[in-house]
């Protein structure tokens, strides 16, 4: 399990913006001032009770995304709520992955894929300096996450430059809560049926093998506050598979909406910051909160 501890620094923060999107960002993304989307949560009386903010978990260091409205909203909140409350700890994350990701007797990853994907996986291995031997007895979901993490590292995406570390600093002494734990987040992937794990590995392999420079990548969409564009991205790649979309987006959003609803009803004033894909589309966290009686308004 040595490779788990070596690679985990990049895996957990990239779990779901699209680990298959964020690491494809260009190294030369220009510095720019963004209009990243922010939403208010209000009650039936029109009182602002909290905020929703979509993040990118790993960013090129030069990207400027923070704007005064975000800082003000966090200042008016009584807590910061993230996907995972604790800062990334390699040892804890490594133990969680090692606990879930291994199954003895599995065929090598290349033998779990069809011929077309095997060629692409071989190319990815060459690019990243890896081989099947690095993933002996490793379940397909964990192979996919590690390939995405290593590709992200080589592409220059840095979790320390992501939105979450900056928000933690801005929060100061405010308490930080989390919807999930590292173990439960990995558990979502570990519970995927074999077919969905295979699709996840296939799609990550395809994207990791590609040299294509996307014109409208996730960072550009995010900086423009283009939630419709993000929603389109959240229905492509591995998330185009209904089972993966349900498990990785819809079901998690529903669980988070229940937690947030209870938090608000208990009198909290949270600033919620989760991967941007969770705040886009028909099963977004905003829509689920509206279904629970809360008003959602985008902050200009």
C-alpha atoms as a PDB file:
ATOM      1  CA  UNK A   1       0.000   0.000   0.000  1.00  0.00           C
ATOM      2  CA  UNK A   2       3.000   2.299  -0.235  1.00  0.00           C
ATOM      3  CA  UNK A   3       1.692   3.968  -3.372  1.00  0.00           C
ATOM      4  CA  UNK A   4      -1.475   5.064  -1.556  1.00  0.00           C
ATOM      5  CA  UNK A   5       0.446   7.175   0.950  1.00  0.00           C
ATOM      6  CA  UNK A   6       2.669   8.589  -1.788  1.00  0.00           C
ATOM      7  CA  UNK A   7      -0.233   9.841  -3.929  1.00  0.00           C
ATOM      8  CA  UNK A   8      -2.956  10.799  -1.502  1.00  0.00           C
ATOM      9  CA  UNK A   9      -2.002  14.458  -1.246  1.00  0.00           C
ATOM     10  CA  UNK A  10      -3.780  15.038  -4.542  1.00  0.00           C
ATOM     11  CA  UNK A  11      -6.610  12.527  -4.472  1.00  0.00           C
ATOM     12  CA  UNK A  12      -9.013  13.612  -1.766  1.00  0.00           C
ATOM     13  CA  UNK A  13      -9.342  17.273  -2.773  1.00  0.00           C
ATOM     14  CA  UNK A  14      -9.991  16.184  -6.361  1.00  0.00           C
ATOM     15  CA  UNK A  15     -12.604  13.584  -5.602  1.00  0.00           C
ATOM     16  CA  UNK A  16     -15.450  15.282  -7.218  1.00  0.00           C
ATOM     17  CA  UNK A  17     -15.305  18.494  -8.949  1.00  0.00           C
ATOM     18  CA  UNK A  18     -14.447  16.247 -11.545  1.00  0.00           C
ATOM     19  CA  UNK A  19     -11.191  14.751 -10.763  1.00  0.00           C
ATOM     20  CA  UNK A  20     -11.490  14.097 -14.481  1.00  0.00           C
ATOM     21  CA  UNK A  21     -11.878  17.818 -15.142  1.00  0.00           C
ATOM     22  CA  UNK A  22      -9.798  19.880 -12.731  1.00  0.00           C
ATOM     23  CA  UNK A  23      -6.487  18.216 -13.504  1.00  0.00           C
ATOM     24  CA  UNK A  24      -6.880  18.954 -17.222  1.00  0.00           C
ATOM     25  CA  UNK A  25      -6.467  22.696 -16.659  1.00  0.00           C
ATOM     26  CA  UNK A  26      -3.777  24.441 -18.676  1.00  0.00           C
ATOM     27  CA  UNK A  27      -0.553  25.284 -16.916  1.00  0.00           C
ATOM     28  CA  UNK A  28      -0.594  28.694 -18.591  1.00  0.00           C
ATOM     29  CA  UNK A  29      -4.076  29.716 -17.430  1.00  0.00           C
ATOM     30  CA  UNK A  30      -3.782  33.507 -17.222  1.00  0.00           C
ATOM     31  CA  UNK A  31      -4.372  35.370 -13.998  1.00  0.00           C
ATOM     32  CA  UNK A  32      -7.801  36.936 -14.088  1.00  0.00           C
ATOM     33  CA  UNK A  33     -10.477  38.326 -11.837  1.00  0.00           C
ATOM     34  CA  UNK A  34     -13.392  35.930 -11.712  1.00  0.00           C
ATOM     35  CA  UNK A  35     -17.102  36.272 -11.154  1.00  0.00           C
ATOM     36  CA  UNK A  36     -17.381  32.929  -9.434  1.00  0.00           C
ATOM     37  CA  UNK A  37     -21.001  32.125  -8.595  1.00  0.00           C
ATOM     38  CA  UNK A  38     -22.310  32.620  -5.055  1.00  0.00           C
ATOM     39  CA  UNK A  39     -25.841  31.958  -3.799  1.00  0.00           C
ATOM     40  CA  UNK A  40     -27.792  33.191  -0.775  1.00  0.00           C
ATOM     41  CA  UNK A  41     -30.062  30.906   1.212  1.00  0.00           C
ATOM     42  CA  UNK A  42     -33.051  32.783   2.653  1.00  0.00           C
ATOM     43  CA  UNK A  43     -36.048  31.695   4.692  1.00  0.00           C
ATOM     44  CA  UNK A  44     -39.691  32.370   3.816  1.00  0.00           C
ATOM     45  CA  UNK A  45     -39.486  35.766   5.532  1.00  0.00           C
ATOM     46  CA  UNK A  46     -36.611  36.783   3.255  1.00  0.00           C
ATOM     47  CA  UNK A  47     -33.931  36.659   5.956  1.00  0.00           C
ATOM     48  CA  UNK A  48     -30.516  35.551   4.692  1.00  0.00           C
ATOM     49  CA  UNK A  49     -29.622  32.356   6.528  1.00  0.00           C
ATOM     50  CA  UNK A  50     -26.557  31.093   4.685  1.00  0.00           C
ATOM     51  CA  UNK A  51     -24.584  30.833   1.457  1.00  0.00           C
ATOM     52  CA  UNK A  52     -23.694  28.254  -1.183  1.00  0.00           C
ATOM     53  CA  UNK A  53     -20.413  28.435  -3.064  1.00  0.00           C
ATOM     54  CA  UNK A  54     -18.985  26.063  -5.669  1.00  0.00           C
ATOM     55  CA  UNK A  55     -15.271  25.386  -5.541  1.00  0.00           C
ATOM     56  CA  UNK A  56     -12.479  24.078  -7.706  1.00  0.00           C
ATOM     57  CA  UNK A  57     -10.372  21.798  -5.545  1.00  0.00           C
ATOM     58  CA  UNK A  58      -7.036  22.267  -7.346  1.00  0.00           C
ATOM     59  CA  UNK A  59      -6.050  25.439  -9.195  1.00  0.00           C
ATOM     60  CA  UNK A  60      -3.038  26.912 -10.950  1.00  0.00           C
ATOM     61  CA  UNK A  61      -1.475  29.252  -8.371  1.00  0.00           C
ATOM     62  CA  UNK A  62      -1.848  32.436 -10.443  1.00  0.00           C
ATOM     63  CA  UNK A  63      -5.639  32.292 -10.782  1.00  0.00           C
ATOM     64  CA  UNK A  64      -7.431  35.134  -8.987  1.00  0.00           C
ATOM     65  CA  UNK A  65     -10.949  34.087  -8.048  1.00  0.00           C
ATOM     66  CA  UNK A  66     -11.767  35.642  -4.675  1.00  0.00           C
ATOM     67  CA  UNK A  67     -14.100  38.636  -4.825  1.00  0.00           C
ATOM     68  CA  UNK A  68     -15.449  40.925  -2.064  1.00  0.00           C
ATOM     69  CA  UNK A  69     -18.913  39.372  -2.092  1.00  0.00           C
ATOM     70  CA  UNK A  70     -17.425  36.004  -1.142  1.00  0.00           C
ATOM     71  CA  UNK A  71     -15.324  37.481   1.643  1.00  0.00           C
ATOM     72  CA  UNK A  72     -18.311  39.424   2.991  1.00  0.00           C
ATOM     73  CA  UNK A  73     -20.578  36.380   2.905  1.00  0.00           C
ATOM     74  CA  UNK A  74     -18.077  34.274   4.818  1.00  0.00           C
ATOM     75  CA  UNK A  75     -17.655  37.097   7.333  1.00  0.00           C
ATOM     76  CA  UNK A  76     -21.421  37.165   7.989  1.00  0.00           C
ATOM     77  CA  UNK A  77     -21.554  33.386   8.452  1.00  0.00           C
ATOM     78  CA  UNK A  78     -21.036  31.573  11.751  1.00  0.00           C
ATOM     79  CA  UNK A  79     -19.266  28.540  10.251  1.00  0.00           C
ATOM     80  CA  UNK A  80     -17.611  27.168   7.148  1.00  0.00           C
ATOM     81  CA  UNK A  81     -19.041  23.898   5.820  1.00  0.00           C
ATOM     82  CA  UNK A  82     -16.924  21.861   3.399  1.00  0.00           C
ATOM     83  CA  UNK A  83     -17.178  18.388   1.926  1.00  0.00           C
ATOM     84  CA  UNK A  84     -14.609  17.255   4.508  1.00  0.00           C
ATOM     85  CA  UNK A  85     -13.963  19.309   7.632  1.00  0.00           C
ATOM     86  CA  UNK A  86     -10.380  18.290   8.333  1.00  0.00           C
ATOM     87  CA  UNK A  87      -7.461  19.532   6.243  1.00  0.00           C
ATOM     88  CA  UNK A  88      -5.926  16.788   4.129  1.00  0.00           C
ATOM     89  CA  UNK A  89      -3.756  14.444   6.195  1.00  0.00           C
ATOM     90  CA  UNK A  90      -1.768  11.958   4.136  1.00  0.00           C
ATOM     91  CA  UNK A  91      -1.577   9.356   6.868  1.00  0.00           C
ATOM     92  CA  UNK A  92      -5.307   9.354   7.620  1.00  0.00           C
ATOM     93  CA  UNK A  93      -6.214   9.415   3.935  1.00  0.00           C
ATOM     94  CA  UNK A  94      -3.695   6.670   3.184  1.00  0.00           C
ATOM     95  CA  UNK A  95      -5.136   4.471   5.905  1.00  0.00           C
ATOM     96  CA  UNK A  96      -8.680   5.050   4.616  1.00  0.00           C
ATOM     97  CA  UNK A  97      -7.764   4.187   1.051  1.00  0.00           C
ATOM     98  CA  UNK A  98      -5.695   1.188   2.056  1.00  0.00           C
ATOM     99  CA  UNK A  99      -8.601  -0.056   4.169  1.00  0.00           C
ATOM    100  CA  UNK A 100     -11.032   0.052   1.248  1.00  0.00           C
ATOM    101  CA  UNK A 101      -9.138  -0.255  -2.019  1.00  0.00           C
ATOM    102  CA  UNK A 102      -7.470  -3.649  -1.892  1.00  0.00           C
ATOM    103  CA  UNK A 103      -8.875  -7.012  -3.024  1.00  0.00           C
ATOM    104  CA  UNK A 104      -6.577  -9.985  -3.435  1.00  0.00           C
ATOM    105  CA  UNK A 105      -6.543 -11.824  -6.722  1.00  0.00           C
ATOM    106  CA  UNK A 106      -7.749  -9.005  -8.965  1.00  0.00           C
ATOM    107  CA  UNK A 107      -6.483  -9.097 -12.561  1.00  0.00           C
ATOM    108  CA  UNK A 108      -4.146  -6.235 -13.547  1.00  0.00           C
ATOM    109  CA  UNK A 109      -5.979  -3.017 -14.473  1.00  0.00           C
ATOM    110  CA  UNK A 110      -5.082  -3.400 -18.160  1.00  0.00           C
ATOM    111  CA  UNK A 111      -6.881  -6.745 -18.263  1.00  0.00           C
ATOM    112  CA  UNK A 112     -10.062  -5.215 -16.864  1.00  0.00           C
ATOM    113  CA  UNK A 113     -10.426  -2.937 -19.882  1.00  0.00           C
ATOM    114  CA  UNK A 114     -11.332  -3.613 -23.496  1.00  0.00           C
ATOM    115  CA  UNK A 115      -8.623  -3.569 -26.192  1.00  0.00           C
ATOM    116  CA  UNK A 116      -9.192   0.085 -27.169  1.00  0.00           C
ATOM    117  CA  UNK A 117      -8.831   1.232 -23.589  1.00  0.00           C
ATOM    118  CA  UNK A 118      -5.802  -0.980 -22.979  1.00  0.00           C
ATOM    119  CA  UNK A 119      -3.860   0.939 -25.597  1.00  0.00           C
ATOM    120  CA  UNK A 120      -4.790   4.223 -23.941  1.00  0.00           C
ATOM    121  CA  UNK A 121      -3.897   2.905 -20.492  1.00  0.00           C
ATOM    122  CA  UNK A 122      -0.487   1.851 -21.800  1.00  0.00           C
ATOM    123  CA  UNK A 123       0.002   5.404 -23.055  1.00  0.00           C
ATOM    124  CA  UNK A 124      -1.005   6.822 -19.676  1.00  0.00           C
ATOM    125  CA  UNK A 125       1.404   4.490 -17.929  1.00  0.00           C
ATOM    126  CA  UNK A 126       4.222   5.701 -20.170  1.00  0.00           C
ATOM    127  CA  UNK A 127       3.336   9.352 -19.560  1.00  0.00           C
ATOM    128  CA  UNK A 128       3.176   8.929 -15.795  1.00  0.00           C
ATOM    129  CA  UNK A 129       5.954   6.394 -15.299  1.00  0.00           C
ATOM    130  CA  UNK A 130       3.629   3.675 -14.030  1.00  0.00           C
ATOM    131  CA  UNK A 131       2.678   0.095 -14.823  1.00  0.00           C
ATOM    132  CA  UNK A 132       0.142  -2.536 -13.812  1.00  0.00           C
ATOM    133  CA  UNK A 133       2.551  -3.570 -11.055  1.00  0.00           C
ATOM    134  CA  UNK A 134       1.892  -0.274  -9.248  1.00  0.00           C
ATOM    135  CA  UNK A 135      -1.760  -1.248  -8.857  1.00  0.00           C
ATOM    136  CA  UNK A 136      -1.549  -4.928  -7.896  1.00  0.00           C
ATOM    137  CA  UNK A 137      -4.770  -6.038  -6.155  1.00  0.00           C
ATOM    138  CA  UNK A 138      -6.130  -2.482  -6.328  1.00  0.00           C
ATOM    139  CA  UNK A 139      -9.830  -2.013  -7.115  1.00  0.00           C
ATOM    140  CA  UNK A 140     -10.670  -0.140 -10.297  1.00  0.00           C
ATOM    141  CA  UNK A 141     -12.098   2.943  -8.571  1.00  0.00           C
ATOM    142  CA  UNK A 142      -8.859   3.428  -6.639  1.00  0.00           C
ATOM    143  CA  UNK A 143      -6.756   2.960  -9.772  1.00  0.00           C
ATOM    144  CA  UNK A 144      -8.828   5.665 -11.459  1.00  0.00           C
ATOM    145  CA  UNK A 145      -8.447   8.106  -8.569  1.00  0.00           C
ATOM    146  CA  UNK A 146      -4.714   7.591  -8.396  1.00  0.00           C
ATOM    147  CA  UNK A 147      -4.255   8.032 -12.154  1.00  0.00           C
ATOM    148  CA  UNK A 148      -6.257  11.257 -11.954  1.00  0.00           C
ATOM    149  CA  UNK A 149      -4.211  12.440  -8.990  1.00  0.00           C
ATOM    150  CA  UNK A 150      -0.838  11.773 -10.600  1.00  0.00           C
ATOM    151  CA  UNK A 151      -1.945  13.343 -13.873  1.00  0.00           C
ATOM    152  CA  UNK A 152      -3.084  16.384 -11.901  1.00  0.00           C
ATOM    153  CA  UNK A 153       0.248  16.638 -10.159  1.00  0.00           C
ATOM    154  CA  UNK A 154       2.122  16.505 -13.461  1.00  0.00           C
ATOM    155  CA  UNK A 155      -0.245  19.032 -15.056  1.00  0.00           C
ATOM    156  CA  UNK A 156       0.490  21.540 -12.307  1.00  0.00           C
ATOM    157  CA  UNK A 157      -2.848  21.487 -10.474  1.00  0.00           C
ATOM    158  CA  UNK A 158      -2.123  22.164  -6.801  1.00  0.00           C
ATOM    159  CA  UNK A 159      -4.667  21.437  -4.032  1.00  0.00           C
ATOM    160  CA  UNK A 160      -2.914  24.023  -1.858  1.00  0.00           C
ATOM    161  CA  UNK A 161      -3.907  26.606  -4.468  1.00  0.00           C
ATOM    162  CA  UNK A 162      -7.512  25.408  -4.503  1.00  0.00           C
ATOM    163  CA  UNK A 163     -10.436  27.318  -3.064  1.00  0.00           C
ATOM    164  CA  UNK A 164     -10.729  25.367   0.185  1.00  0.00           C
ATOM    165  CA  UNK A 165      -7.362  26.317   1.752  1.00  0.00           C
ATOM    166  CA  UNK A 166      -8.065  29.986   1.019  1.00  0.00           C
ATOM    167  CA  UNK A 167     -11.517  29.746   2.570  1.00  0.00           C
ATOM    168  CA  UNK A 168     -10.103  28.053   5.672  1.00  0.00           C
ATOM    169  CA  UNK A 169      -7.721  30.979   6.130  1.00  0.00           C
ATOM    170  CA  UNK A 170     -10.486  33.523   5.603  1.00  0.00           C
ATOM    171  CA  UNK A 171     -12.702  31.723   8.108  1.00  0.00           C
ATOM    172  CA  UNK A 172     -10.199  32.457  10.870  1.00  0.00           C
ATOM    173  CA  UNK A 173     -11.527  31.162  14.179  1.00  0.00           C
ATOM    174  CA  UNK A 174     -14.905  30.134  12.814  1.00  0.00           C
ATOM    175  CA  UNK A 175     -15.700  26.435  13.236  1.00  0.00           C
ATOM    176  CA  UNK A 176     -15.329  24.232  10.169  1.00  0.00           C
ATOM    177  CA  UNK A 177     -17.820  21.413   9.601  1.00  0.00           C
ATOM    178  CA  UNK A 178     -17.960  18.707   6.946  1.00  0.00           C
ATOM    179  CA  UNK A 179     -20.711  16.788   5.191  1.00  0.00           C
ATOM    180  CA  UNK A 180     -18.463  13.730   4.846  1.00  0.00           C
ATOM    181  CA  UNK A 181     -15.264  12.215   6.166  1.00  0.00           C
ATOM    182  CA  UNK A 182     -12.299  11.017   4.163  1.00  0.00           C
ATOM    183  CA  UNK A 183     -13.330   7.428   4.840  1.00  0.00           C
ATOM    184  CA  UNK A 184     -16.963   7.953   3.854  1.00  0.00           C
ATOM    185  CA  UNK A 185     -15.957   9.794   0.689  1.00  0.00           C
ATOM    186  CA  UNK A 186     -13.773   6.907  -0.411  1.00  0.00           C
ATOM    187  CA  UNK A 187     -16.616   4.630   0.650  1.00  0.00           C
ATOM    188  CA  UNK A 188     -18.864   6.166  -2.004  1.00  0.00           C
ATOM    189  CA  UNK A 189     -16.439   4.980  -4.668  1.00  0.00           C
ATOM    190  CA  UNK A 190     -15.823   1.644  -2.986  1.00  0.00           C
ATOM    191  CA  UNK A 191     -19.568   0.897  -3.062  1.00  0.00           C
ATOM    192  CA  UNK A 192     -19.769   1.346  -6.839  1.00  0.00           C
ATOM    193  CA  UNK A 193     -20.743  -1.834  -8.717  1.00  0.00           C
ATOM    194  CA  UNK A 194     -17.980  -3.404 -10.846  1.00  0.00           C
ATOM    195  CA  UNK A 195     -19.462  -2.064 -14.082  1.00  0.00           C
ATOM    196  CA  UNK A 196     -19.450   1.537 -12.829  1.00  0.00           C
ATOM    197  CA  UNK A 197     -15.915   1.136 -11.518  1.00  0.00           C
ATOM    198  CA  UNK A 198     -14.845  -0.061 -14.953  1.00  0.00           C
ATOM    199  CA  UNK A 199     -16.508   2.919 -16.642  1.00  0.00           C
ATOM    200  CA  UNK A 200     -14.816   5.283 -14.207  1.00  0.00           C
ATOM    201  CA  UNK A 201     -11.425   3.754 -14.960  1.00  0.00           C
ATOM    202  CA  UNK A 202     -12.096   3.830 -18.715  1.00  0.00           C
ATOM    203  CA  UNK A 203     -13.088   7.497 -18.764  1.00  0.00           C
ATOM    204  CA  UNK A 204     -10.225   8.626 -16.553  1.00  0.00           C
ATOM    205  CA  UNK A 205      -7.872   6.659 -18.810  1.00  0.00           C
ATOM    206  CA  UNK A 206      -9.259   8.355 -21.932  1.00  0.00           C
ATOM    207  CA  UNK A 207      -8.855  11.830 -20.464  1.00  0.00           C
ATOM    208  CA  UNK A 208      -5.424  11.138 -18.982  1.00  0.00           C
ATOM    209  CA  UNK A 209      -4.234   9.834 -22.367  1.00  0.00           C
ATOM    210  CA  UNK A 210      -5.485  12.876 -24.254  1.00  0.00           C
ATOM    211  CA  UNK A 211      -3.256  15.807 -25.177  1.00  0.00           C
ATOM    212  CA  UNK A 212      -6.260  17.899 -26.168  1.00  0.00           C
ATOM    213  CA  UNK A 213      -6.294  21.467 -24.855  1.00  0.00           C
ATOM    214  CA  UNK A 214      -9.911  22.161 -23.930  1.00  0.00           C
ATOM    215  CA  UNK A 215     -11.037  25.695 -24.834  1.00  0.00           C
ATOM    216  CA  UNK A 216     -13.697  25.844 -22.164  1.00  0.00           C
ATOM    217  CA  UNK A 217     -12.259  23.881 -19.291  1.00  0.00           C
ATOM    218  CA  UNK A 218     -13.744  23.730 -15.850  1.00  0.00           C
ATOM    219  CA  UNK A 219     -11.675  26.562 -14.427  1.00  0.00           C
ATOM    220  CA  UNK A 220     -12.762  28.952 -17.168  1.00  0.00           C
ATOM    221  CA  UNK A 221     -16.412  28.033 -16.666  1.00  0.00           C
ATOM    222  CA  UNK A 222     -16.054  28.383 -12.919  1.00  0.00           C
ATOM    223  CA  UNK A 223     -14.354  31.780 -13.108  1.00  0.00           C
ATOM    224  CA  UNK A 224     -17.125  33.083 -15.335  1.00  0.00           C
ATOM    225  CA  UNK A 225     -19.792  31.748 -12.977  1.00  0.00           C
ATOM    226  CA  UNK A 226     -21.159  29.671 -15.843  1.00  0.00           C
ATOM    227  CA  UNK A 227     -23.198  27.127 -13.893  1.00  0.00           C
ATOM    228  CA  UNK A 228     -24.971  26.023 -17.081  1.00  0.00           C
ATOM    229  CA  UNK A 229     -21.614  25.206 -18.637  1.00  0.00           C
ATOM    230  CA  UNK A 230     -20.555  23.362 -15.497  1.00  0.00           C
ATOM    231  CA  UNK A 231     -23.830  21.432 -15.612  1.00  0.00           C
ATOM    232  CA  UNK A 232     -23.039  20.339 -19.159  1.00  0.00           C
ATOM    233  CA  UNK A 233     -19.589  19.168 -18.056  1.00  0.00           C
ATOM    234  CA  UNK A 234     -21.201  17.290 -15.171  1.00  0.00           C
ATOM    235  CA  UNK A 235     -23.126  15.211 -17.675  1.00  0.00           C
ATOM    236  CA  UNK A 236     -20.111  14.178 -19.738  1.00  0.00           C
ATOM    237  CA  UNK A 237     -17.263  11.741 -19.270  1.00  0.00           C
ATOM    238  CA  UNK A 238     -17.787   9.257 -16.467  1.00  0.00           C
ATOM    239  CA  UNK A 239     -20.684  11.324 -15.108  1.00  0.00           C
ATOM    240  CA  UNK A 240     -22.626  10.609 -18.314  1.00  0.00           C
ATOM    241  CA  UNK A 241     -23.144   7.116 -16.897  1.00  0.00           C
ATOM    242  CA  UNK A 242     -26.443   7.118 -14.991  1.00  0.00           C
ATOM    243  CA  UNK A 243     -25.146   4.929 -12.179  1.00  0.00           C
ATOM    244  CA  UNK A 244     -22.056   7.032 -11.585  1.00  0.00           C
ATOM    245  CA  UNK A 245     -24.015  10.272 -11.784  1.00  0.00           C
ATOM    246  CA  UNK A 246     -26.501   8.959  -9.249  1.00  0.00           C
ATOM    247  CA  UNK A 247     -23.866   7.740  -6.797  1.00  0.00           C
ATOM    248  CA  UNK A 248     -21.328  10.544  -7.094  1.00  0.00           C
ATOM    249  CA  UNK A 249     -23.612  13.547  -7.497  1.00  0.00           C
ATOM    250  CA  UNK A 250     -27.324  12.995  -6.910  1.00  0.00           C
ATOM    251  CA  UNK A 251     -27.221  10.763  -3.836  1.00  0.00           C
ATOM    252  CA  UNK A 252     -24.507  12.807  -2.173  1.00  0.00           C
ATOM    253  CA  UNK A 253     -26.371  16.047  -2.866  1.00  0.00           C
ATOM    254  CA  UNK A 254     -29.498  14.626  -1.259  1.00  0.00           C
ATOM    255  CA  UNK A 255     -27.588  13.576   1.840  1.00  0.00           C
ATOM    256  CA  UNK A 256     -25.951  17.000   2.054  1.00  0.00           C
ATOM    257  CA  UNK A 257     -29.295  18.783   1.590  1.00  0.00           C
ATOM    258  CA  UNK A 258     -30.717  16.850   4.547  1.00  0.00           C
ATOM    259  CA  UNK A 259     -27.740  17.861   6.696  1.00  0.00           C
ATOM    260  CA  UNK A 260     -27.890  21.480   5.595  1.00  0.00           C
ATOM    261  CA  UNK A 261     -31.657  21.672   6.118  1.00  0.00           C
ATOM    262  CA  UNK A 262     -31.244  20.409   9.695  1.00  0.00           C
ATOM    263  CA  UNK A 263     -28.349  22.823  10.281  1.00  0.00           C
ATOM    264  CA  UNK A 264     -30.385  25.815   9.133  1.00  0.00           C
ATOM    265  CA  UNK A 265     -33.439  24.794  11.141  1.00  0.00           C
ATOM    266  CA  UNK A 266     -31.207  24.607  14.215  1.00  0.00           C
ATOM    267  CA  UNK A 267     -30.281  28.286  13.728  1.00  0.00           C
ATOM    268  CA  UNK A 268     -26.891  28.017  12.000  1.00  0.00           C
ATOM    269  CA  UNK A 269     -25.689  30.585   9.456  1.00  0.00           C
ATOM    270  CA  UNK A 270     -23.370  28.481   7.293  1.00  0.00           C
ATOM    271  CA  UNK A 271     -21.126  29.297   4.369  1.00  0.00           C
ATOM    272  CA  UNK A 272     -21.225  26.049   2.379  1.00  0.00           C
ATOM    273  CA  UNK A 273     -18.373  25.451  -0.086  1.00  0.00           C
ATOM    274  CA  UNK A 274     -18.451  22.220  -2.109  1.00  0.00           C
ATOM    275  CA  UNK A 275     -17.272  21.133  -5.552  1.00  0.00           C
ATOM    276  CA  UNK A 276     -18.846  23.258  -8.279  1.00  0.00           C
ATOM    277  CA  UNK A 277     -20.467  20.270 -10.001  1.00  0.00           C
ATOM    278  CA  UNK A 278     -22.692  19.846  -6.935  1.00  0.00           C
ATOM    279  CA  UNK A 279     -24.199  23.295  -7.564  1.00  0.00           C
ATOM    280  CA  UNK A 280     -25.134  22.798 -11.207  1.00  0.00           C
ATOM    281  CA  UNK A 281     -27.864  20.895 -12.995  1.00  0.00           C
ATOM    282  CA  UNK A 282     -31.279  19.488 -12.217  1.00  0.00           C
ATOM    283  CA  UNK A 283     -30.073  17.640  -9.120  1.00  0.00           C
ATOM    284  CA  UNK A 284     -28.056  20.539  -7.719  1.00  0.00           C
ATOM    285  CA  UNK A 285     -27.879  21.349  -4.045  1.00  0.00           C
ATOM    286  CA  UNK A 286     -29.764  24.598  -4.720  1.00  0.00           C
ATOM    287  CA  UNK A 287     -32.735  22.784  -6.242  1.00  0.00           C
ATOM    288  CA  UNK A 288     -32.817  20.270  -3.415  1.00  0.00           C
ATOM    289  CA  UNK A 289     -32.814  23.053  -0.837  1.00  0.00           C
ATOM    290  CA  UNK A 290     -35.625  24.836  -2.666  1.00  0.00           C
ATOM    291  CA  UNK A 291     -37.622  21.610  -2.535  1.00  0.00           C
ATOM    292  CA  UNK A 292     -37.171  21.744   1.245  1.00  0.00           C
ATOM    293  CA  UNK A 293     -38.720  25.215   1.417  1.00  0.00           C
ATOM    294  CA  UNK A 294     -35.674  27.489   1.284  1.00  0.00           C
ATOM    295  CA  UNK A 295     -35.277  30.385  -1.133  1.00  0.00           C
ATOM    296  CA  UNK A 296     -32.115  30.493  -3.225  1.00  0.00           C
ATOM    297  CA  UNK A 297     -30.887  33.669  -4.932  1.00  0.00           C
ATOM    298  CA  UNK A 298     -27.699  34.211  -6.842  1.00  0.00           C
ATOM    299  CA  UNK A 299     -25.530  37.032  -5.504  1.00  0.00           C
ATOM    300  CA  UNK A 300     -24.551  39.488  -8.288  1.00  0.00           C
END
